[in-house]
N, C-alpha and C. Protein backbone atom coordinates (compact mmCIF):
# COMPACT_ATOMS: atom_id res chain seq x y z
N MET A 1 192.88 115.38 236.60
CA MET A 1 192.96 116.73 236.09
C MET A 1 194.34 116.93 235.48
N ALA A 2 194.40 117.51 234.27
CA ALA A 2 195.66 117.73 233.56
C ALA A 2 196.41 118.90 234.16
N ALA A 3 197.73 118.78 234.18
CA ALA A 3 198.56 119.87 234.67
C ALA A 3 198.55 121.00 233.64
N GLU A 4 198.54 122.22 234.14
CA GLU A 4 198.53 123.38 233.27
C GLU A 4 199.93 123.61 232.69
N THR A 5 199.99 123.82 231.37
CA THR A 5 201.27 124.07 230.71
C THR A 5 201.67 125.52 230.96
N PRO A 6 202.90 125.75 231.44
CA PRO A 6 203.31 127.13 231.68
C PRO A 6 203.42 127.90 230.35
N LEU A 7 203.09 129.17 230.40
CA LEU A 7 203.15 130.01 229.21
C LEU A 7 204.57 130.47 228.95
N SER A 8 204.95 130.53 227.68
CA SER A 8 206.25 131.08 227.31
C SER A 8 206.21 132.59 227.50
N THR A 9 207.37 133.20 227.59
CA THR A 9 207.45 134.65 227.73
C THR A 9 206.77 135.34 226.56
N GLU A 10 207.03 134.86 225.34
CA GLU A 10 206.44 135.51 224.17
C GLU A 10 204.92 135.38 224.16
N GLU A 11 204.38 134.26 224.65
CA GLU A 11 202.93 134.12 224.73
C GLU A 11 202.37 135.07 225.78
N ARG A 12 203.08 135.23 226.88
CA ARG A 12 202.64 136.18 227.91
C ARG A 12 202.58 137.60 227.35
N ILE A 13 203.61 137.98 226.58
CA ILE A 13 203.64 139.32 225.98
C ILE A 13 202.49 139.47 224.99
N ARG A 14 202.25 138.45 224.17
CA ARG A 14 201.14 138.51 223.22
C ARG A 14 199.81 138.69 223.95
N GLN A 15 199.63 137.97 225.05
CA GLN A 15 198.39 138.11 225.82
C GLN A 15 198.27 139.50 226.44
N LEU A 16 199.39 140.04 226.92
CA LEU A 16 199.36 141.39 227.49
C LEU A 16 198.95 142.40 226.42
N LEU A 17 199.55 142.33 225.24
CA LEU A 17 199.18 143.25 224.17
C LEU A 17 197.70 143.12 223.85
N GLY A 18 197.20 141.89 223.75
CA GLY A 18 195.78 141.68 223.49
C GLY A 18 194.90 142.30 224.56
N HIS A 19 195.28 142.12 225.81
CA HIS A 19 194.53 142.69 226.94
C HIS A 19 194.48 144.22 226.84
N LEU A 20 195.59 144.81 226.40
CA LEU A 20 195.66 146.26 226.30
C LEU A 20 195.04 146.79 225.01
N GLY A 21 194.60 145.89 224.13
CA GLY A 21 193.99 146.32 222.87
C GLY A 21 195.00 146.77 221.84
N LEU A 22 196.22 146.24 221.93
CA LEU A 22 197.28 146.62 221.00
C LEU A 22 197.57 145.48 220.04
N ASP A 23 197.74 145.83 218.78
CA ASP A 23 198.15 144.84 217.80
C ASP A 23 199.66 144.74 217.72
N GLN A 24 200.35 145.85 218.03
CA GLN A 24 201.80 145.91 217.94
C GLN A 24 202.35 146.85 219.01
N ALA A 25 203.67 146.74 219.21
CA ALA A 25 204.37 147.67 220.10
C ALA A 25 205.83 147.74 219.65
N HIS A 26 206.53 148.76 220.11
CA HIS A 26 207.97 148.87 219.92
C HIS A 26 208.62 148.11 221.08
N PHE A 27 209.68 147.37 220.79
CA PHE A 27 210.36 146.59 221.82
C PHE A 27 211.84 146.94 221.87
N ALA A 28 212.39 146.85 223.05
CA ALA A 28 213.84 147.04 223.25
C ALA A 28 214.32 145.95 224.18
N GLY A 29 215.51 145.43 223.91
CA GLY A 29 216.05 144.37 224.74
C GLY A 29 217.56 144.35 224.72
N TRP A 30 218.12 143.78 225.75
CA TRP A 30 219.57 143.70 225.89
C TRP A 30 220.10 142.41 225.28
N SER A 31 219.77 141.30 225.88
CA SER A 31 220.31 140.03 225.39
C SER A 31 219.32 139.36 224.45
N GLN A 32 219.85 138.51 223.59
CA GLN A 32 219.00 137.82 222.62
C GLN A 32 217.91 137.00 223.28
N GLN A 33 218.18 136.44 224.44
CA GLN A 33 217.15 135.65 225.10
C GLN A 33 215.98 136.52 225.53
N ASP A 34 216.19 137.83 225.64
CA ASP A 34 215.11 138.74 226.02
C ASP A 34 214.06 138.86 224.92
N TRP A 35 214.46 138.78 223.65
CA TRP A 35 213.56 139.11 222.56
C TRP A 35 213.46 138.08 221.44
N THR A 36 214.36 137.11 221.37
CA THR A 36 214.37 136.16 220.25
C THR A 36 213.07 135.39 220.12
N GLY A 37 212.54 134.87 221.21
CA GLY A 37 211.30 134.11 221.15
C GLY A 37 210.16 134.93 220.58
N LEU A 38 210.07 136.18 220.97
CA LEU A 38 208.99 137.05 220.49
C LEU A 38 209.12 137.32 219.00
N VAL A 39 210.32 137.70 218.54
CA VAL A 39 210.47 138.08 217.12
C VAL A 39 210.41 136.89 216.18
N THR A 40 210.63 135.69 216.70
CA THR A 40 210.51 134.51 215.84
C THR A 40 209.11 133.89 215.89
N THR A 41 208.45 133.97 217.04
CA THR A 41 207.13 133.36 217.19
C THR A 41 206.00 134.31 216.80
N TYR A 42 206.11 135.58 217.18
CA TYR A 42 205.07 136.57 216.90
C TYR A 42 205.66 137.82 216.26
N PRO A 43 206.30 137.72 215.10
CA PRO A 43 206.92 138.91 214.50
C PRO A 43 205.91 140.00 214.15
N GLU A 44 204.65 139.61 213.96
CA GLU A 44 203.63 140.59 213.60
C GLU A 44 203.32 141.59 214.71
N VAL A 45 203.69 141.29 215.96
CA VAL A 45 203.43 142.23 217.05
C VAL A 45 204.57 143.22 217.25
N VAL A 46 205.66 143.06 216.50
CA VAL A 46 206.85 143.89 216.68
C VAL A 46 206.83 145.04 215.67
N SER A 47 206.50 146.25 216.14
CA SER A 47 206.57 147.43 215.28
C SER A 47 208.02 147.78 215.00
N SER A 48 208.84 147.66 216.02
CA SER A 48 210.27 147.87 215.88
C SER A 48 210.97 147.16 217.02
N LEU A 49 212.26 146.93 216.81
CA LEU A 49 213.08 146.29 217.84
C LEU A 49 214.38 147.06 217.96
N THR A 50 214.71 147.44 219.18
CA THR A 50 216.01 148.04 219.49
C THR A 50 216.79 147.04 220.30
N VAL A 51 217.98 146.68 219.81
CA VAL A 51 218.84 145.76 220.54
C VAL A 51 220.12 146.48 220.93
N ILE A 52 220.58 146.18 222.11
CA ILE A 52 221.80 146.76 222.62
C ILE A 52 222.91 145.72 222.51
N ASN A 53 223.93 146.06 221.74
CA ASN A 53 225.16 145.30 221.62
C ASN A 53 225.03 144.09 220.72
N ALA A 54 224.96 142.90 221.24
CA ALA A 54 225.10 141.69 220.43
C ALA A 54 223.76 141.17 219.92
N PHE A 55 223.80 140.63 218.69
CA PHE A 55 222.63 139.98 218.12
C PHE A 55 223.09 139.03 217.03
N ASP A 56 222.24 138.06 216.73
CA ASP A 56 222.49 137.11 215.65
C ASP A 56 221.69 137.60 214.45
N PRO A 57 222.35 138.01 213.36
CA PRO A 57 221.63 138.57 212.22
C PRO A 57 220.58 137.62 211.64
N ARG A 58 220.79 136.32 211.75
CA ARG A 58 219.80 135.36 211.21
C ARG A 58 218.46 135.48 211.93
N ARG A 59 218.48 135.91 213.19
CA ARG A 59 217.24 136.00 213.98
C ARG A 59 216.43 137.26 213.66
N VAL A 60 217.08 138.26 213.03
CA VAL A 60 216.41 139.54 212.83
C VAL A 60 216.36 140.01 211.38
N GLU A 61 216.81 139.17 210.45
CA GLU A 61 216.81 139.59 209.04
C GLU A 61 215.43 140.04 208.59
N HIS A 62 214.39 139.36 209.04
CA HIS A 62 213.02 139.70 208.64
C HIS A 62 212.55 141.03 209.24
N LEU A 63 213.27 141.55 210.22
CA LEU A 63 212.92 142.83 210.86
C LEU A 63 213.89 143.95 210.49
N ALA A 64 214.78 143.72 209.55
CA ALA A 64 215.90 144.65 209.30
C ALA A 64 215.46 146.10 209.20
N ALA A 65 214.42 146.41 208.47
CA ALA A 65 213.99 147.80 208.30
C ALA A 65 213.40 148.38 209.58
N ARG A 66 213.04 147.50 210.52
CA ARG A 66 212.44 147.94 211.80
C ARG A 66 213.40 147.69 212.96
N LEU A 67 214.69 147.58 212.67
CA LEU A 67 215.69 147.22 213.67
C LEU A 67 216.67 148.35 213.92
N LEU A 68 216.88 148.67 215.19
CA LEU A 68 217.93 149.60 215.62
C LEU A 68 218.91 148.81 216.46
N VAL A 69 220.18 148.85 216.08
CA VAL A 69 221.23 148.17 216.82
C VAL A 69 222.14 149.23 217.42
N VAL A 70 222.34 149.17 218.72
CA VAL A 70 223.22 150.11 219.42
C VAL A 70 224.43 149.33 219.90
N THR A 71 225.61 149.77 219.45
CA THR A 71 226.86 149.11 219.85
C THR A 71 227.85 150.16 220.33
N GLY A 72 228.92 149.67 220.93
CA GLY A 72 230.06 150.51 221.23
C GLY A 72 231.06 150.38 220.10
N ASP A 73 232.11 151.19 220.15
CA ASP A 73 233.13 151.11 219.10
C ASP A 73 234.41 150.44 219.57
N GLN A 74 234.41 149.93 220.79
CA GLN A 74 235.61 149.32 221.34
C GLN A 74 235.32 147.90 221.81
N GLY A 75 236.36 147.08 221.86
CA GLY A 75 236.24 145.72 222.38
C GLY A 75 235.96 144.70 221.29
N SER A 76 236.05 143.45 221.69
CA SER A 76 235.88 142.35 220.73
C SER A 76 234.46 142.25 220.20
N VAL A 77 233.48 142.56 221.02
CA VAL A 77 232.09 142.47 220.56
C VAL A 77 231.82 143.52 219.49
N ALA A 78 232.44 144.69 219.61
CA ALA A 78 232.23 145.75 218.61
C ALA A 78 232.65 145.29 217.23
N GLU A 79 233.77 144.60 217.13
CA GLU A 79 234.23 144.11 215.84
C GLU A 79 233.28 143.05 215.29
N THR A 80 232.82 142.16 216.13
CA THR A 80 231.86 141.13 215.70
C THR A 80 230.57 141.78 215.22
N MET A 81 230.12 142.82 215.90
CA MET A 81 228.88 143.49 215.53
C MET A 81 229.01 144.25 214.21
N ARG A 82 230.17 144.81 213.92
CA ARG A 82 230.36 145.46 212.63
C ARG A 82 230.16 144.44 211.50
N SER A 83 230.67 143.26 211.68
CA SER A 83 230.49 142.19 210.70
C SER A 83 229.03 141.78 210.61
N ALA A 84 228.36 141.64 211.75
CA ALA A 84 226.94 141.24 211.78
C ALA A 84 226.07 142.28 211.08
N MET A 85 226.40 143.56 211.23
CA MET A 85 225.61 144.62 210.59
C MET A 85 225.63 144.50 209.07
N ASN A 86 226.69 143.94 208.51
CA ASN A 86 226.77 143.73 207.06
C ASN A 86 225.70 142.76 206.57
N ARG A 87 225.23 141.90 207.46
CA ARG A 87 224.19 140.91 207.09
C ARG A 87 222.79 141.51 207.11
N VAL A 88 222.62 142.66 207.74
CA VAL A 88 221.31 143.32 207.81
C VAL A 88 221.48 144.80 207.42
N PRO A 89 221.82 145.06 206.17
CA PRO A 89 222.14 146.44 205.76
C PRO A 89 220.98 147.42 205.90
N ALA A 90 219.74 146.95 205.93
CA ALA A 90 218.60 147.85 206.08
C ALA A 90 218.40 148.28 207.53
N ALA A 91 219.09 147.64 208.46
CA ALA A 91 218.95 147.99 209.88
C ALA A 91 219.63 149.34 210.15
N HIS A 92 219.13 150.01 211.15
CA HIS A 92 219.72 151.26 211.61
C HIS A 92 220.77 150.91 212.66
N HIS A 93 221.89 151.62 212.63
CA HIS A 93 222.98 151.31 213.55
C HIS A 93 223.48 152.59 214.20
N VAL A 94 223.61 152.55 215.51
CA VAL A 94 224.22 153.65 216.25
C VAL A 94 225.40 153.08 217.00
N CYS A 95 226.55 153.68 216.76
CA CYS A 95 227.79 153.24 217.40
C CYS A 95 228.22 154.31 218.40
N LEU A 96 228.25 153.96 219.66
CA LEU A 96 228.65 154.89 220.72
C LEU A 96 230.17 154.98 220.77
N SER A 97 230.70 156.18 220.53
CA SER A 97 232.15 156.33 220.45
C SER A 97 232.80 156.24 221.82
N ASN A 98 234.02 155.74 221.82
CA ASN A 98 234.81 155.57 223.05
C ASN A 98 234.06 154.76 224.10
N TYR A 99 233.45 153.67 223.65
CA TYR A 99 232.63 152.88 224.57
C TYR A 99 232.76 151.39 224.25
N ASN A 100 233.02 150.61 225.25
CA ASN A 100 233.07 149.16 225.17
C ASN A 100 231.90 148.63 225.98
N ILE A 101 230.91 148.10 225.32
CA ILE A 101 229.74 147.57 226.03
C ILE A 101 230.08 146.17 226.51
N LEU A 102 230.13 146.03 227.81
CA LEU A 102 230.42 144.75 228.45
C LEU A 102 229.12 144.15 228.99
N GLY A 103 229.18 142.91 229.42
CA GLY A 103 228.00 142.23 229.93
C GLY A 103 227.34 142.94 231.10
N TRP A 104 228.08 143.70 231.85
CA TRP A 104 227.54 144.38 233.02
C TRP A 104 227.33 145.88 232.78
N SER A 105 227.58 146.34 231.56
CA SER A 105 227.41 147.76 231.24
C SER A 105 225.94 148.16 231.37
N ASP A 106 225.72 149.35 231.85
CA ASP A 106 224.37 149.92 231.91
C ASP A 106 224.34 151.08 230.93
N VAL A 107 224.10 150.76 229.67
CA VAL A 107 224.15 151.76 228.60
C VAL A 107 223.16 152.88 228.86
N ALA A 108 221.98 152.56 229.35
CA ALA A 108 220.96 153.57 229.60
C ALA A 108 221.41 154.57 230.65
N ALA A 109 222.14 154.13 231.66
CA ALA A 109 222.62 155.03 232.70
C ALA A 109 223.90 155.75 232.29
N GLU A 110 224.77 155.04 231.58
CA GLU A 110 226.08 155.61 231.24
C GLU A 110 226.07 156.50 230.01
N ARG A 111 225.14 156.25 229.09
CA ARG A 111 225.08 157.04 227.85
C ARG A 111 223.63 157.45 227.58
N THR A 112 222.96 157.93 228.62
CA THR A 112 221.54 158.24 228.57
C THR A 112 221.15 159.11 227.38
N GLY A 113 221.81 160.24 227.23
CA GLY A 113 221.45 161.19 226.17
C GLY A 113 221.61 160.60 224.79
N GLU A 114 222.73 159.96 224.53
CA GLU A 114 222.99 159.39 223.20
C GLU A 114 222.00 158.27 222.88
N LEU A 115 221.77 157.39 223.85
CA LEU A 115 220.85 156.28 223.63
C LEU A 115 219.43 156.81 223.43
N GLY A 116 219.00 157.72 224.29
CA GLY A 116 217.66 158.29 224.17
C GLY A 116 217.45 159.00 222.85
N ASP A 117 218.42 159.82 222.44
CA ASP A 117 218.31 160.53 221.16
C ASP A 117 218.22 159.55 220.00
N ALA A 118 219.08 158.53 220.02
CA ALA A 118 219.09 157.54 218.93
C ALA A 118 217.74 156.82 218.84
N MET A 119 217.21 156.42 219.99
CA MET A 119 215.93 155.71 219.98
C MET A 119 214.79 156.61 219.51
N LEU A 120 214.77 157.85 219.99
CA LEU A 120 213.69 158.76 219.58
C LEU A 120 213.75 159.08 218.09
N GLN A 121 214.94 159.29 217.55
CA GLN A 121 215.08 159.54 216.11
C GLN A 121 214.63 158.32 215.31
N PHE A 122 215.03 157.15 215.76
CA PHE A 122 214.65 155.91 215.08
C PHE A 122 213.13 155.72 215.13
N LEU A 123 212.55 155.87 216.31
CA LEU A 123 211.11 155.66 216.46
C LEU A 123 210.30 156.68 215.67
N ALA A 124 210.83 157.89 215.50
CA ALA A 124 210.13 158.91 214.73
C ALA A 124 209.97 158.49 213.26
N ARG A 125 210.85 157.63 212.77
CA ARG A 125 210.77 157.16 211.39
C ARG A 125 209.86 155.94 211.23
N MET A 126 209.49 155.33 212.32
CA MET A 126 208.68 154.12 212.27
C MET A 126 207.20 154.46 212.17
N ILE A 127 206.45 153.57 211.55
CA ILE A 127 205.00 153.71 211.54
C ILE A 127 204.51 153.39 212.94
N PRO A 128 203.67 154.26 213.51
CA PRO A 128 203.20 154.00 214.88
C PRO A 128 202.45 152.68 214.98
N PRO A 129 202.59 151.99 216.12
CA PRO A 129 201.80 150.77 216.34
C PRO A 129 200.31 151.09 216.27
N VAL A 130 199.55 150.10 215.87
CA VAL A 130 198.12 150.28 215.70
C VAL A 130 197.39 149.76 216.94
N ALA A 131 196.58 150.63 217.53
CA ALA A 131 195.72 150.21 218.63
C ALA A 131 194.36 149.87 218.03
N ARG A 132 193.69 148.95 218.64
CA ARG A 132 192.33 148.62 218.18
C ARG A 132 191.41 149.79 218.47
N GLU A 133 190.17 149.65 218.18
CA GLU A 133 189.20 150.74 218.28
C GLU A 133 189.01 151.29 219.70
N SER A 134 189.75 150.77 220.67
CA SER A 134 189.53 151.18 222.06
C SER A 134 190.03 152.58 222.37
N GLY A 135 190.77 153.21 221.46
CA GLY A 135 191.28 154.56 221.71
C GLY A 135 192.55 154.53 222.53
N PRO A 136 192.95 155.71 223.03
CA PRO A 136 194.21 155.79 223.78
C PRO A 136 194.16 154.97 225.07
N LEU A 137 195.30 154.47 225.45
CA LEU A 137 195.38 153.70 226.70
C LEU A 137 195.28 154.63 227.89
N ARG A 138 194.60 154.18 228.92
CA ARG A 138 194.49 154.96 230.14
C ARG A 138 195.64 154.61 231.08
N GLU A 139 196.11 155.61 231.80
CA GLU A 139 197.18 155.35 232.76
C GLU A 139 196.67 154.38 233.81
N GLY A 140 197.56 153.52 234.28
CA GLY A 140 197.19 152.56 235.30
C GLY A 140 198.19 151.43 235.38
N ASP A 141 197.96 150.55 236.33
CA ASP A 141 198.81 149.39 236.56
C ASP A 141 197.94 148.15 236.51
N GLY A 142 198.56 147.02 236.27
CA GLY A 142 197.82 145.78 236.26
C GLY A 142 198.74 144.60 236.06
N GLU A 143 198.13 143.44 235.90
CA GLU A 143 198.88 142.21 235.64
C GLU A 143 198.06 141.33 234.73
N VAL A 144 198.73 140.79 233.70
CA VAL A 144 198.11 139.87 232.75
C VAL A 144 199.12 138.78 232.45
N ALA A 145 198.69 137.55 232.50
CA ALA A 145 199.52 136.39 232.15
C ALA A 145 200.85 136.41 232.91
N GLY A 146 200.82 136.89 234.14
CA GLY A 146 202.02 136.90 234.96
C GLY A 146 202.96 138.06 234.69
N ILE A 147 202.55 139.01 233.85
CA ILE A 147 203.37 140.19 233.57
C ILE A 147 202.71 141.40 234.23
N SER A 148 203.46 142.08 235.08
CA SER A 148 202.99 143.33 235.66
C SER A 148 203.27 144.44 234.67
N TYR A 149 202.33 145.37 234.52
CA TYR A 149 202.54 146.48 233.60
C TYR A 149 202.14 147.79 234.25
N ARG A 150 202.70 148.87 233.68
CA ARG A 150 202.38 150.22 234.15
C ARG A 150 202.29 151.10 232.92
N ILE A 151 201.21 151.85 232.80
CA ILE A 151 201.01 152.74 231.66
C ILE A 151 201.10 154.16 232.18
N ARG A 152 202.01 154.93 231.56
CA ARG A 152 202.22 156.33 231.91
C ARG A 152 202.45 157.12 230.64
N GLY A 153 201.99 158.36 230.59
CA GLY A 153 202.28 159.24 229.48
C GLY A 153 201.44 158.95 228.25
N ALA A 154 201.91 159.49 227.13
CA ALA A 154 201.19 159.34 225.88
C ALA A 154 202.20 159.06 224.77
N GLY A 155 201.71 158.55 223.67
CA GLY A 155 202.58 158.27 222.53
C GLY A 155 202.48 156.81 222.15
N PRO A 156 203.28 156.41 221.16
CA PRO A 156 203.22 155.02 220.71
C PRO A 156 203.63 154.06 221.82
N PRO A 157 202.95 152.92 221.92
CA PRO A 157 203.31 151.95 222.96
C PRO A 157 204.65 151.28 222.67
N TRP A 158 205.44 151.06 223.71
CA TRP A 158 206.68 150.31 223.59
C TRP A 158 206.87 149.48 224.84
N CYS A 159 207.61 148.42 224.70
CA CYS A 159 207.86 147.50 225.81
C CYS A 159 209.36 147.25 225.91
N CYS A 160 209.82 147.14 227.12
CA CYS A 160 211.21 146.79 227.35
C CYS A 160 211.23 145.34 227.81
N CYS A 161 211.86 144.48 227.04
CA CYS A 161 211.87 143.05 227.34
C CYS A 161 213.07 142.72 228.22
N ARG A 162 212.83 141.95 229.25
CA ARG A 162 213.92 141.52 230.12
C ARG A 162 213.55 140.16 230.68
N SER A 163 214.32 139.16 230.35
CA SER A 163 214.08 137.81 230.87
C SER A 163 214.68 137.68 232.26
N PHE A 164 214.00 136.95 233.10
CA PHE A 164 214.53 136.73 234.46
C PHE A 164 214.58 135.27 234.76
């Protein structure tokens, strides 16, 4: 009997979207390892991508119009990100003033209002993800391809990517 090949994170996400009847979703991620595999392997499932702090412009050039980059205005990474933003001029950029985003920073907790407002304004300009003919998603919990999910509320679907 052949050993089963483990699924990549991006394949697991693709299977989850398929299970939920979604062709696309909005994604947000912190580190490049959280989202790079998905945007390079299955870019068609990405309605939009929000990245916090650092990113490699070569990995997201094809998503520039659907990209929100959130950075701080202080520290060495901020300067590098200003340069990177020049490579993706169609991307949306929010710079949090008086803020140095470090590897251990919790931007969502420390700058909740600014981050939330920026994401909601950005998402309002995006074309909503398309669900298949199944209609609105029902609230509930489940697991598909090793990913646990929880559906709450209403509105366009989005996923927060986090590698472990």
